[in-house]
Amino acid sequence: MADKTSILITTLILVIVILVGVVVYAFVIKPAISGYTVQKQTEGVQIAVNSILAQLQQNGFVQIPVGNQTLILIPYTPPSTQPPSTQETQTQPTPIQ
């Protein structure tokens, strides 16, 4: 009987240790790894954008290879809209005869 209880206690302790390990991984280790990954992805995006902007300022355009084609980016300045003129031409109504 003592042998069965010691095996049961050992099994229960092993199950508890495994469950604690799963909980620690799920709530501590995995979020830390995911946070690090997101931080490095954000840094990579910033490096890429800064590189594109530096090339744009230096050359006036940027060539980005996409497969077997090349995408050329150039700065775009939209045309400025002129406000309507303040002088309105007044026409005299034509008399009805």
Protein backbone atom coordinates (compact mmCIF):
# COMPACT_ATOMS: atom_id res chain seq x y z
CA MET A 1 0.00 0.00 0.00
CA ALA A 2 2.83 2.41 0.82
CA ASP A 3 4.38 1.71 -2.56
CA LYS A 4 1.17 2.68 -4.41
CA THR A 5 0.78 5.94 -2.48
CA SER A 6 4.39 6.96 -3.14
CA ILE A 7 3.92 6.28 -6.88
CA LEU A 8 0.66 8.29 -6.82
CA ILE A 9 2.32 11.20 -4.99
CA THR A 10 5.28 11.15 -7.39
CA THR A 11 2.93 11.11 -10.39
CA LEU A 12 0.87 14.00 -9.00
CA ILE A 13 4.01 16.05 -8.28
CA LEU A 14 5.22 15.38 -11.84
CA VAL A 15 1.85 16.48 -13.29
CA ILE A 16 1.92 19.66 -11.18
CA VAL A 17 5.47 20.47 -12.30
CA ILE A 18 4.50 19.97 -15.94
CA LEU A 19 1.41 22.17 -15.56
CA VAL A 20 3.45 24.91 -13.84
CA GLY A 21 5.95 24.73 -16.70
CA VAL A 22 3.19 25.12 -19.29
CA VAL A 23 1.68 28.09 -17.44
CA VAL A 24 5.07 29.80 -17.05
CA TYR A 25 5.81 29.30 -20.75
CA ALA A 26 2.37 30.54 -21.85
CA PHE A 27 2.23 33.63 -19.65
CA VAL A 28 5.89 34.65 -19.20
CA ILE A 29 8.27 33.28 -21.80
CA LYS A 30 6.08 33.39 -24.93
CA PRO A 31 4.95 37.05 -24.46
CA ALA A 32 8.56 38.08 -23.88
CA ILE A 33 9.64 36.40 -27.12
CA SER A 34 6.69 37.90 -29.04
CA GLY A 35 7.44 41.38 -27.68
CA TYR A 36 11.07 41.08 -28.73
CA THR A 37 10.02 39.93 -32.21
CA VAL A 38 7.59 42.83 -32.68
CA GLN A 39 10.21 45.31 -31.45
CA LYS A 40 12.79 44.02 -33.96
CA GLN A 41 10.22 44.05 -36.79
CA THR A 42 9.43 47.70 -36.00
CA GLU A 43 13.14 48.55 -36.02
CA GLY A 44 13.51 46.81 -39.39
CA VAL A 45 10.65 48.82 -40.89
CA GLN A 46 12.19 52.06 -39.59
CA ILE A 47 15.58 51.15 -41.10
CA ALA A 48 13.97 50.36 -44.48
CA VAL A 49 11.94 53.59 -44.56
CA ASN A 50 14.95 55.69 -43.53
CA SER A 51 17.04 54.04 -46.25
CA ILE A 52 14.38 54.78 -48.88
CA LEU A 53 14.12 58.41 -47.74
CA ALA A 54 17.91 58.83 -47.79
CA GLN A 55 18.10 57.48 -51.35
CA LEU A 56 15.21 59.72 -52.37
CA GLN A 57 16.91 62.82 -51.00
CA GLN A 58 20.25 61.90 -52.51
CA ASN A 59 19.18 60.72 -55.98
CA GLY A 60 15.73 62.23 -56.41
CA PHE A 61 14.26 58.76 -57.01
CA VAL A 62 14.39 55.26 -55.56
CA GLN A 63 14.52 51.99 -57.49
CA ILE A 64 13.01 48.98 -55.72
CA PRO A 65 13.32 45.57 -57.40
CA VAL A 66 10.08 43.59 -57.27
CA GLY A 67 10.56 40.16 -58.77
CA ASN A 68 11.83 40.69 -62.30
CA GLN A 69 10.54 44.27 -62.48
CA THR A 70 11.78 47.54 -61.02
CA LEU A 71 9.53 49.93 -59.14
CA ILE A 72 10.70 53.55 -59.36
CA LEU A 73 9.53 55.95 -56.66
CA ILE A 74 9.74 59.70 -57.18
CA PRO A 75 8.55 62.52 -54.93
CA TYR A 76 5.12 63.84 -55.81
CA THR A 77 4.02 67.36 -55.07
CA PRO A 78 0.35 67.85 -55.80
CA PRO A 79 -0.52 70.97 -57.78
CA SER A 80 -1.51 73.81 -55.55
CA THR A 81 -5.02 75.06 -56.04
CA GLN A 82 -5.45 78.77 -56.53
CA PRO A 83 -8.22 80.39 -54.52
CA PRO A 84 -11.04 81.76 -56.68
CA SER A 85 -10.45 85.29 -57.83
CA THR A 86 -12.12 88.02 -55.81
CA GLN A 87 -13.02 90.06 -58.87
CA GLU A 88 -16.31 88.94 -60.23
CA THR A 89 -17.36 90.16 -63.60
CA GLN A 90 -20.76 91.75 -63.40
CA THR A 91 -22.93 91.56 -66.42
CA GLN A 92 -25.82 93.85 -67.06
CA PRO A 93 -29.11 92.11 -67.55
CA THR A 94 -30.44 92.38 -71.04
CA PRO A 95 -33.72 94.26 -71.29
CA ILE A 96 -36.69 92.25 -72.47
CA GLN A 97 -38.53 93.86 -75.42
